[in-house]
C-alpha cells in the first residue's frame, strides 16, 4: 500500500508501475476504458490514467495483474464480479 498524499506517480512512472499488467480498467468521465494489455500499455490508456493534476488517478487498486484506476461503480462491479 502506498499513501498517494506522500508519493506521487506521474506520467514518467506509469510504464514501470503498469509493467506486467494484463488488464487495465480506467475510469475517466462517462466512458471508462477496460483494456486487455498485450505487451506495452497503449498511450491513450496511460493518458487516461492521469488526473487533472498530472498524477495517477485515485483510487488505484492492483489485484494480481489487473489495475483499476479511478472510480466508476459499474466498472468496479464488473471487475469484481469476474467479467
Protein backbone atom coordinates (compact mmCIF):
# COMPACT_ATOMS: atom_id res chain seq x y z
CA UNK A 1 0.00 0.00 0.00
CA UNK A 2 1.23 3.48 -0.89
CA UNK A 3 -0.06 6.75 0.55
CA UNK A 4 -0.81 8.90 -2.51
CA UNK A 5 -0.58 12.05 -0.39
CA UNK A 6 3.13 11.37 0.13
CA UNK A 7 4.18 9.52 -3.03
CA UNK A 8 3.01 10.76 -6.43
CA UNK A 9 3.07 8.80 -9.68
CA UNK A 10 3.38 10.97 -12.76
CA UNK A 11 3.48 10.06 -16.44
CA UNK A 12 7.15 9.02 -16.24
CA UNK A 13 6.45 6.38 -13.58
CA UNK A 14 3.36 4.80 -15.15
CA UNK A 15 5.06 2.43 -17.64
CA UNK A 16 7.12 0.91 -14.82
CA UNK A 17 4.14 0.82 -12.44
CA UNK A 18 1.96 -0.98 -15.00
CA UNK A 19 4.72 -3.35 -16.18
CA UNK A 20 3.37 -6.88 -16.16
CA UNK A 21 -0.26 -5.75 -16.18
CA UNK A 22 -2.62 -7.89 -18.24
CA UNK A 23 -5.72 -5.71 -17.78
CA UNK A 24 -6.19 -2.01 -17.09
CA UNK A 25 -9.57 -0.56 -16.20
CA UNK A 26 -9.51 3.24 -16.12
CA UNK A 27 -12.48 5.31 -15.01
CA UNK A 28 -12.42 8.73 -16.63
CA UNK A 29 -15.62 10.59 -17.30
CA UNK A 30 -18.65 8.73 -18.61
CA UNK A 31 -16.79 6.25 -20.79
CA UNK A 32 -14.35 4.11 -18.80
CA UNK A 33 -11.63 2.15 -20.58
CA UNK A 34 -11.21 -1.58 -19.94
CA UNK A 35 -8.20 -2.82 -21.88
CA UNK A 36 -6.52 -6.20 -22.10
CA UNK A 37 -2.81 -5.44 -22.29
CA UNK A 38 -0.56 -7.37 -24.64
CA UNK A 39 2.95 -6.01 -24.35
CA UNK A 40 3.23 -2.33 -23.54
CA UNK A 41 0.34 -0.22 -22.28
CA UNK A 42 -1.24 1.93 -25.03
CA UNK A 43 -0.52 5.67 -24.78
CA UNK A 44 -4.24 6.54 -24.64
CA UNK A 45 -4.64 4.36 -21.53
CA UNK A 46 -1.62 5.96 -19.86
CA UNK A 47 -3.03 9.42 -20.59
CA UNK A 48 -6.46 8.44 -19.21
CA UNK A 49 -4.84 7.13 -16.01
CA UNK A 50 -3.59 10.63 -15.22
CA UNK A 51 -5.84 13.06 -13.41
CA UNK A 52 -6.03 16.83 -13.95
CA UNK A 53 -3.03 17.30 -11.66
CA UNK A 54 -0.85 15.16 -13.93
CA UNK A 55 -0.63 12.38 -11.34
CA UNK A 56 -2.15 8.91 -11.23
CA UNK A 57 -5.91 8.99 -10.61
CA UNK A 58 -7.19 7.88 -7.24
CA UNK A 59 -8.14 5.40 -6.10
CA UNK A 60 -5.88 2.91 -7.82
CA UNK A 61 -6.04 -0.75 -6.92
CA UNK A 62 -3.91 -3.65 -8.11
CA UNK A 63 -5.40 -7.13 -8.00
CA UNK A 64 -2.87 -9.61 -9.32
CA UNK A 65 -2.11 -8.34 -12.82
CA UNK A 66 -5.27 -6.20 -13.08
CA UNK A 67 -5.23 -2.48 -12.28
CA UNK A 68 -8.32 -0.40 -11.53
CA UNK A 69 -7.65 3.31 -11.86
CA UNK A 70 -10.18 5.93 -10.79
CA UNK A 71 -13.68 5.07 -9.60
CA UNK A 72 -16.69 4.04 -11.62
CA UNK A 73 -19.15 1.84 -9.71
CA UNK A 74 -20.31 -0.14 -12.75
CA UNK A 75 -16.73 -0.78 -13.89
CA UNK A 76 -15.57 -1.89 -10.46
CA UNK A 77 -18.62 -4.15 -10.05
CA UNK A 78 -17.89 -5.77 -13.42
CA UNK A 79 -14.23 -6.36 -12.47
CA UNK A 80 -15.02 -7.76 -9.01
CA UNK A 81 -17.80 -9.98 -10.39
CA UNK A 82 -15.24 -11.56 -12.70
CA UNK A 83 -16.45 -10.25 -16.03
